Amino acid sequence: MKRQAKPRVLRTGKSHNGLENAHAFPDSIYVRVAVLAYSMYERRGRQDGHDIEDWIEAEKTILEKIASQDTRSKARSDV
């Protein structure tokens, strides 16, 4: 009888390639990163092989945008 492999368990936090797993993000942030990464792929002429770089760049851009918005709203509330 052939033994079946155990299903992989997704962990939150950093994965082996440095990317955050989807479970570490709220759904809206994950979707925003995915949409931006896909638009980067399209701007490159749908050239394959850059998915990880696109994802990391999109993730960085979205998280910086969120941090900037949080900083601005905190500054307004301190006034």
PDB file of N, CA and C in Angstrom:
ATOM      1  N   MET A   1       0.845  -1.179   0.000  1.00  0.00           N
ATOM      2  CA  MET A   1       0.000   0.000   0.000  1.00  0.00           C
ATOM      3  C   MET A   1       0.889   1.241   0.000  1.00  0.00           C
ATOM      4  N   LYS A   2       0.609   2.153  -0.903  1.00  0.00           N
ATOM      5  CA  LYS A   2       1.395   3.366  -1.050  1.00  0.00           C
ATOM      6  C   LYS A   2       0.987   4.385   0.012  1.00  0.00           C
ATOM      7  N   ARG A   3       1.988   4.991   0.641  1.00  0.00           N
ATOM      8  CA  ARG A   3       1.731   5.968   1.689  1.00  0.00           C
ATOM      9  C   ARG A   3       1.518   7.350   1.078  1.00  0.00           C
ATOM     10  N   GLN A   4       0.483   8.040   1.520  1.00  0.00           N
ATOM     11  CA  GLN A   4       0.204   9.377   1.007  1.00  0.00           C
ATOM     12  C   GLN A   4       1.030  10.410   1.765  1.00  0.00           C
ATOM     13  N   ALA A   5       1.478  11.409   1.038  1.00  0.00           N
ATOM     14  CA  ALA A   5       2.236  12.493   1.664  1.00  0.00           C
ATOM     15  C   ALA A   5       1.307  13.347   2.501  1.00  0.00           C
ATOM     16  N   LYS A   6       1.835  13.853   3.604  1.00  0.00           N
ATOM     17  CA  LYS A   6       1.053  14.751   4.450  1.00  0.00           C
ATOM     18  C   LYS A   6       0.895  16.092   3.747  1.00  0.00           C
ATOM     19  N   PRO A   7      -0.250  16.724   3.888  1.00  0.00           N
ATOM     20  CA  PRO A   7      -0.414  18.050   3.279  1.00  0.00           C
ATOM     21  C   PRO A   7       0.512  19.045   3.972  1.00  0.00           C
ATOM     22  N   ARG A   8       0.996  20.008   3.195  1.00  0.00           N
ATOM     23  CA  ARG A   8       1.860  21.039   3.765  1.00  0.00           C
ATOM     24  C   ARG A   8       1.041  21.977   4.634  1.00  0.00           C
ATOM     25  N   VAL A   9       1.633  22.405   5.705  1.00  0.00           N
ATOM     26  CA  VAL A   9       0.980  23.345   6.607  1.00  0.00           C
ATOM     27  C   VAL A   9       1.585  24.716   6.369  1.00  0.00           C
ATOM     28  N   LEU A  10       0.729  25.695   6.073  1.00  0.00           N
ATOM     29  CA  LEU A  10       1.215  27.065   5.887  1.00  0.00           C
ATOM     30  C   LEU A  10       1.452  27.701   7.245  1.00  0.00           C
ATOM     31  N   ARG A  11       2.592  28.319   7.373  1.00  0.00           N
ATOM     32  CA  ARG A  11       2.929  29.033   8.600  1.00  0.00           C
ATOM     33  C   ARG A  11       2.815  30.526   8.345  1.00  0.00           C
ATOM     34  N   THR A  12       2.484  31.276   9.366  1.00  0.00           N
ATOM     35  CA  THR A  12       2.531  32.727   9.204  1.00  0.00           C
ATOM     36  C   THR A  12       3.962  33.168   9.409  1.00  0.00           C
ATOM     37  N   GLY A  13       4.276  34.356   8.975  1.00  0.00           N
ATOM     38  CA  GLY A  13       5.636  34.848   9.107  1.00  0.00           C
ATOM     39  C   GLY A  13       6.404  34.644   7.825  1.00  0.00           C
ATOM     40  N   LYS A  14       7.710  34.661   7.924  1.00  0.00           N
ATOM     41  CA  LYS A  14       8.553  34.550   6.742  1.00  0.00           C
ATOM     42  C   LYS A  14       8.584  33.122   6.225  1.00  0.00           C
ATOM     43  N   SER A  15       8.518  32.987   4.913  1.00  0.00           N
ATOM     44  CA  SER A  15       8.654  31.676   4.294  1.00  0.00           C
ATOM     45  C   SER A  15      10.109  31.485   3.906  1.00  0.00           C
ATOM     46  N   HIS A  16      10.422  30.347   3.337  1.00  0.00           N
ATOM     47  CA  HIS A  16      11.811  30.042   3.002  1.00  0.00           C
ATOM     48  C   HIS A  16      12.413  31.018   2.002  1.00  0.00           C
ATOM     49  N   ASN A  17      11.597  31.672   1.196  1.00  0.00           N
ATOM     50  CA  ASN A  17      12.144  32.601   0.198  1.00  0.00           C
ATOM     51  C   ASN A  17      12.006  34.061   0.625  1.00  0.00           C
ATOM     52  N   GLY A  18      11.635  34.297   1.861  1.00  0.00           N
ATOM     53  CA  GLY A  18      11.569  35.662   2.371  1.00  0.00           C
ATOM     54  C   GLY A  18      10.238  36.353   2.165  1.00  0.00           C
ATOM     55  N   LEU A  19       9.319  35.724   1.462  1.00  0.00           N
ATOM     56  CA  LEU A  19       8.011  36.336   1.250  1.00  0.00           C
ATOM     57  C   LEU A  19       7.085  36.028   2.410  1.00  0.00           C
ATOM     58  N   GLU A  20       6.226  36.950   2.703  1.00  0.00           N
ATOM     59  CA  GLU A  20       5.218  36.709   3.721  1.00  0.00           C
ATOM     60  C   GLU A  20       4.162  35.769   3.153  1.00  0.00           C
ATOM     61  N   ASN A  21       3.685  34.868   3.960  1.00  0.00           N
ATOM     62  CA  ASN A  21       2.576  34.019   3.528  1.00  0.00           C
ATOM     63  C   ASN A  21       1.293  34.833   3.511  1.00  0.00           C
ATOM     64  N   ALA A  22       0.363  34.410   2.707  1.00  0.00           N
ATOM     65  CA  ALA A  22      -0.897  35.133   2.565  1.00  0.00           C
ATOM     66  C   ALA A  22      -1.614  35.273   3.898  1.00  0.00           C
ATOM     67  N   HIS A  23      -1.474  34.304   4.783  1.00  0.00           N
ATOM     68  CA  HIS A  23      -2.186  34.327   6.062  1.00  0.00           C
ATOM     69  C   HIS A  23      -1.684  35.417   6.998  1.00  0.00           C
ATOM     70  N   ALA A  24      -0.525  35.976   6.713  1.00  0.00           N
ATOM     71  CA  ALA A  24       0.024  37.011   7.580  1.00  0.00           C
ATOM     72  C   ALA A  24      -0.573  38.382   7.273  1.00  0.00           C
ATOM     73  N   PHE A  25      -1.303  38.515   6.176  1.00  0.00           N
ATOM     74  CA  PHE A  25      -1.884  39.783   5.752  1.00  0.00           C
ATOM     75  C   PHE A  25      -3.390  39.761   5.903  1.00  0.00           C
ATOM     76  N   PRO A  26      -3.963  40.907   6.250  1.00  0.00           N
ATOM     77  CA  PRO A  26      -5.415  41.018   6.107  1.00  0.00           C
ATOM     78  C   PRO A  26      -5.760  40.873   4.619  1.00  0.00           C
ATOM     79  N   ASP A  27      -6.930  40.364   4.326  1.00  0.00           N
ATOM     80  CA  ASP A  27      -7.325  40.106   2.939  1.00  0.00           C
ATOM     81  C   ASP A  27      -7.175  41.322   2.033  1.00  0.00           C
ATOM     82  N   SER A  28      -7.554  42.501   2.514  1.00  0.00           N
ATOM     83  CA  SER A  28      -7.512  43.685   1.655  1.00  0.00           C
ATOM     84  C   SER A  28      -6.080  44.032   1.253  1.00  0.00           C
ATOM     85  N   ILE A  29      -5.125  43.875   2.161  1.00  0.00           N
ATOM     86  CA  ILE A  29      -3.728  44.170   1.824  1.00  0.00           C
ATOM     87  C   ILE A  29      -3.213  43.145   0.832  1.00  0.00           C
ATOM     88  N   TYR A  30      -3.530  41.892   1.047  1.00  0.00           N
ATOM     89  CA  TYR A  30      -3.103  40.827   0.135  1.00  0.00           C
ATOM     90  C   TYR A  30      -3.617  41.104  -1.275  1.00  0.00           C
ATOM     91  N   VAL A  31      -4.860  41.494  -1.387  1.00  0.00           N
ATOM     92  CA  VAL A  31      -5.455  41.776  -2.699  1.00  0.00           C
ATOM     93  C   VAL A  31      -4.774  42.975  -3.340  1.00  0.00           C
ATOM     94  N   ARG A  32      -4.513  44.021  -2.578  1.00  0.00           N
ATOM     95  CA  ARG A  32      -3.843  45.208  -3.123  1.00  0.00           C
ATOM     96  C   ARG A  32      -2.455  44.866  -3.647  1.00  0.00           C
ATOM     97  N   VAL A  33      -1.711  44.050  -2.899  1.00  0.00           N
ATOM     98  CA  VAL A  33      -0.381  43.632  -3.339  1.00  0.00           C
ATOM     99  C   VAL A  33      -0.489  42.795  -4.611  1.00  0.00           C
ATOM    100  N   ALA A  34      -1.438  41.872  -4.639  1.00  0.00           N
ATOM    101  CA  ALA A  34      -1.606  41.014  -5.816  1.00  0.00           C
ATOM    102  C   ALA A  34      -1.951  41.828  -7.057  1.00  0.00           C
ATOM    103  N   VAL A  35      -2.832  42.796  -6.916  1.00  0.00           N
ATOM    104  CA  VAL A  35      -3.230  43.634  -8.052  1.00  0.00           C
ATOM    105  C   VAL A  35      -2.048  44.461  -8.548  1.00  0.00           C
ATOM    106  N   LEU A  36      -1.289  45.049  -7.636  1.00  0.00           N
ATOM    107  CA  LEU A  36      -0.133  45.853  -8.035  1.00  0.00           C
ATOM    108  C   LEU A  36       0.939  44.981  -8.689  1.00  0.00           C
ATOM    109  N   ALA A  37       1.203  43.811  -8.135  1.00  0.00           N
ATOM    110  CA  ALA A  37       2.199  42.902  -8.723  1.00  0.00           C
ATOM    111  C   ALA A  37       1.778  42.484 -10.129  1.00  0.00           C
ATOM    112  N   TYR A  38       0.497  42.231 -10.317  1.00  0.00           N
ATOM    113  CA  TYR A  38       0.010  41.845 -11.638  1.00  0.00           C
ATOM    114  C   TYR A  38       0.140  43.006 -12.623  1.00  0.00           C
ATOM    115  N   SER A  39      -0.108  44.226 -12.161  1.00  0.00           N
ATOM    116  CA  SER A  39       0.035  45.370 -13.066  1.00  0.00           C
ATOM    117  C   SER A  39       1.501  45.561 -13.459  1.00  0.00           C
ATOM    118  N   MET A  40       2.424  45.258 -12.557  1.00  0.00           N
ATOM    119  CA  MET A  40       3.855  45.320 -12.895  1.00  0.00           C
ATOM    120  C   MET A  40       4.184  44.291 -13.977  1.00  0.00           C
ATOM    121  N   TYR A  41       3.619  43.116 -13.842  1.00  0.00           N
ATOM    122  CA  TYR A  41       3.791  42.047 -14.834  1.00  0.00           C
ATOM    123  C   TYR A  41       3.260  42.498 -16.197  1.00  0.00           C
ATOM    124  N   GLU A  42       2.099  43.123 -16.205  1.00  0.00           N
ATOM    125  CA  GLU A  42       1.523  43.598 -17.462  1.00  0.00           C
ATOM    126  C   GLU A  42       2.357  44.717 -18.079  1.00  0.00           C
ATOM    127  N   ARG A  43       2.851  45.659 -17.246  1.00  0.00           N
ATOM    128  CA  ARG A  43       3.685  46.748 -17.760  1.00  0.00           C
ATOM    129  C   ARG A  43       4.970  46.231 -18.392  1.00  0.00           C
ATOM    130  N   ARG A  44       5.455  45.099 -17.925  1.00  0.00           N
ATOM    131  CA  ARG A  44       6.669  44.507 -18.470  1.00  0.00           C
ATOM    132  C   ARG A  44       6.365  43.752 -19.758  1.00  0.00           C
ATOM    133  N   GLY A  45       5.143  43.743 -20.196  1.00  0.00           N
ATOM    134  CA  GLY A  45       4.776  43.031 -21.410  1.00  0.00           C
ATOM    135  C   GLY A  45       4.479  41.564 -21.151  1.00  0.00           C
ATOM    136  N   ARG A  46       4.031  41.260 -19.935  1.00  0.00           N
ATOM    137  CA  ARG A  46       3.695  39.891 -19.521  1.00  0.00           C
ATOM    138  C   ARG A  46       4.866  38.931 -19.660  1.00  0.00           C
ATOM    139  N   GLN A  47       6.040  39.437 -19.380  1.00  0.00           N
ATOM    140  CA  GLN A  47       7.250  38.621 -19.432  1.00  0.00           C
ATOM    141  C   GLN A  47       7.339  37.797 -18.136  1.00  0.00           C
ATOM    142  N   ASP A  48       7.395  36.485 -18.277  1.00  0.00           N
ATOM    143  CA  ASP A  48       7.455  35.592 -17.121  1.00  0.00           C
ATOM    144  C   ASP A  48       8.832  35.617 -16.461  1.00  0.00           C
ATOM    145  N   GLY A  49       8.873  35.132 -15.227  1.00  0.00           N
ATOM    146  CA  GLY A  49      10.128  34.967 -14.528  1.00  0.00           C
ATOM    147  C   GLY A  49      10.463  36.045 -13.525  1.00  0.00           C
ATOM    148  N   HIS A  50       9.566  37.004 -13.325  1.00  0.00           N
ATOM    149  CA  HIS A  50       9.829  38.101 -12.392  1.00  0.00           C
ATOM    150  C   HIS A  50       8.760  38.182 -11.308  1.00  0.00           C
ATOM    151  N   ASP A  51       8.028  37.094 -11.115  1.00  0.00           N
ATOM    152  CA  ASP A  51       6.897  37.124 -10.189  1.00  0.00           C
ATOM    153  C   ASP A  51       7.312  37.445  -8.759  1.00  0.00           C
ATOM    154  N   ILE A  52       8.405  36.879  -8.296  1.00  0.00           N
ATOM    155  CA  ILE A  52       8.823  37.123  -6.915  1.00  0.00           C
ATOM    156  C   ILE A  52       9.275  38.570  -6.741  1.00  0.00           C
ATOM    157  N   GLU A  53      10.071  39.066  -7.690  1.00  0.00           N
ATOM    158  CA  GLU A  53      10.503  40.467  -7.590  1.00  0.00           C
ATOM    159  C   GLU A  53       9.311  41.415  -7.635  1.00  0.00           C
ATOM    160  N   ASP A  54       8.357  41.128  -8.530  1.00  0.00           N
ATOM    161  CA  ASP A  54       7.158  41.968  -8.621  1.00  0.00           C
ATOM    162  C   ASP A  54       6.388  41.947  -7.311  1.00  0.00           C
ATOM    163  N   TRP A  55       6.249  40.764  -6.718  1.00  0.00           N
ATOM    164  CA  TRP A  55       5.493  40.634  -5.469  1.00  0.00           C
ATOM    165  C   TRP A  55       6.189  41.423  -4.358  1.00  0.00           C
ATOM    166  N   ILE A  56       7.499  41.262  -4.236  1.00  0.00           N
ATOM    167  CA  ILE A  56       8.241  41.957  -3.176  1.00  0.00           C
ATOM    168  C   ILE A  56       8.146  43.462  -3.356  1.00  0.00           C
ATOM    169  N   GLU A  57       8.302  43.935  -4.583  1.00  0.00           N
ATOM    170  CA  GLU A  57       8.213  45.373  -4.851  1.00  0.00           C
ATOM    171  C   GLU A  57       6.807  45.903  -4.562  1.00  0.00           C
ATOM    172  N   ALA A  58       5.792  45.159  -4.977  1.00  0.00           N
ATOM    173  CA  ALA A  58       4.410  45.573  -4.722  1.00  0.00           C
ATOM    174  C   ALA A  58       4.122  45.578  -3.221  1.00  0.00           C
ATOM    175  N   GLU A  59       4.585  44.562  -2.524  1.00  0.00           N
ATOM    176  CA  GLU A  59       4.392  44.472  -1.075  1.00  0.00           C
ATOM    177  C   GLU A  59       5.044  45.667  -0.375  1.00  0.00           C
ATOM    178  N   LYS A  60       6.262  45.972  -0.763  1.00  0.00           N
ATOM    179  CA  LYS A  60       6.988  47.106  -0.185  1.00  0.00           C
ATOM    180  C   LYS A  60       6.236  48.412  -0.429  1.00  0.00           C
ATOM    181  N   THR A  61       5.775  48.610  -1.657  1.00  0.00           N
ATOM    182  CA  THR A  61       5.053  49.827  -2.021  1.00  0.00           C
ATOM    183  C   THR A  61       3.769  49.981  -1.208  1.00  0.00           C
ATOM    184  N   ILE A  62       2.980  48.924  -1.135  1.00  0.00           N
ATOM    185  CA  ILE A  62       1.704  48.987  -0.408  1.00  0.00           C
ATOM    186  C   ILE A  62       1.936  49.214   1.082  1.00  0.00           C
ATOM    187  N   LEU A  63       2.874  48.486   1.683  1.00  0.00           N
ATOM    188  CA  LEU A  63       3.130  48.640   3.116  1.00  0.00           C
ATOM    189  C   LEU A  63       3.685  50.020   3.448  1.00  0.00           C
ATOM    190  N   GLU A  64       4.518  50.582   2.570  1.00  0.00           N
ATOM    191  CA  GLU A  64       5.012  51.949   2.775  1.00  0.00           C
ATOM    192  C   GLU A  64       3.872  52.957   2.690  1.00  0.00           C
ATOM    193  N   LYS A  65       2.967  52.730   1.733  1.00  0.00           N
ATOM    194  CA  LYS A  65       1.813  53.619   1.574  1.00  0.00           C
ATOM    195  C   LYS A  65       0.938  53.586   2.832  1.00  0.00           C
ATOM    196  N   ILE A  66       0.721  52.393   3.364  1.00  0.00           N
ATOM    197  CA  ILE A  66      -0.103  52.242   4.574  1.00  0.00           C
ATOM    198  C   ILE A  66       0.582  52.912   5.766  1.00  0.00           C
ATOM    199  N   ALA A  67       1.897  52.712   5.900  1.00  0.00           N
ATOM    200  CA  ALA A  67       2.639  53.323   7.004  1.00  0.00           C
ATOM    201  C   ALA A  67       2.592  54.842   6.906  1.00  0.00           C
ATOM    202  N   SER A  68       2.693  55.370   5.699  1.00  0.00           N
ATOM    203  CA  SER A  68       2.642  56.813   5.487  1.00  0.00           C
ATOM    204  C   SER A  68       1.269  57.366   5.873  1.00  0.00           C
ATOM    205  N   GLN A  69       0.220  56.653   5.492  1.00  0.00           N
ATOM    206  CA  GLN A  69      -1.138  57.085   5.841  1.00  0.00           C
ATOM    207  C   GLN A  69      -1.340  57.053   7.351  1.00  0.00           C
ATOM    208  N   ASP A  70      -0.816  56.006   8.006  1.00  0.00           N
ATOM    209  CA  ASP A  70      -0.939  55.902   9.463  1.00  0.00           C
ATOM    210  C   ASP A  70      -0.212  57.048  10.154  1.00  0.00           C
ATOM    211  N   THR A  71       0.963  57.392   9.642  1.00  0.00           N
ATOM    212  CA  THR A  71       1.746  58.481  10.225  1.00  0.00           C
ATOM    213  C   THR A  71       1.018  59.807  10.079  1.00  0.00           C
ATOM    214  N   ARG A  72       0.447  60.038   8.894  1.00  0.00           N
ATOM    215  CA  ARG A  72      -0.288  61.293   8.662  1.00  0.00           C
ATOM    216  C   ARG A  72      -1.532  61.389   9.543  1.00  0.00           C
ATOM    217  N   SER A  73      -2.266  60.292   9.680  1.00  0.00           N
ATOM    218  CA  SER A  73      -3.478  60.343  10.495  1.00  0.00           C
ATOM    219  C   SER A  73      -3.136  60.487  11.983  1.00  0.00           C
ATOM    220  N   LYS A  74      -2.016  59.912  12.422  1.00  0.00           N
ATOM    221  CA  LYS A  74      -1.588  60.077  13.802  1.00  0.00           C
ATOM    222  C   LYS A  74      -1.177  61.513  14.050  1.00  0.00           C
ATOM    223  N   ALA A  75      -0.475  62.120  13.081  1.00  0.00           N
ATOM    224  CA  ALA A  75      -0.054  63.517  13.227  1.00  0.00           C
ATOM    225  C   ALA A  75      -1.279  64.435  13.320  1.00  0.00           C
ATOM    226  N   ARG A  76      -2.309  64.154  12.545  1.00  0.00           N
ATOM    227  CA  ARG A  76      -3.537  64.966  12.594  1.00  0.00           C
ATOM    228  C   ARG A  76      -4.239  64.825  13.940  1.00  0.00           C
ATOM    229  N   SER A  77      -4.231  63.622  14.503  1.00  0.00           N
ATOM    230  CA  SER A  77      -4.918  63.409  15.759  1.00  0.00           C
ATOM    231  C   SER A  77      -4.158  64.022  16.949  1.00  0.00           C
ATOM    232  N   ASP A  78      -2.847  64.244  16.769  1.00  0.00           N
ATOM    233  CA  ASP A  78      -2.038  64.853  17.831  1.00  0.00           C
ATOM    234  C   ASP A  78      -2.210  66.365  17.895  1.00  0.00           C
ATOM    235  N   VAL A  79      -2.796  66.967  16.842  1.00  0.00           N
ATOM    236  CA  VAL A  79      -2.947  68.425  16.780  1.00  0.00           C
ATOM    237  C   VAL A  79      -4.080  68.898  17.606  1.00  0.00           C
TER     238      VAL A  79
END
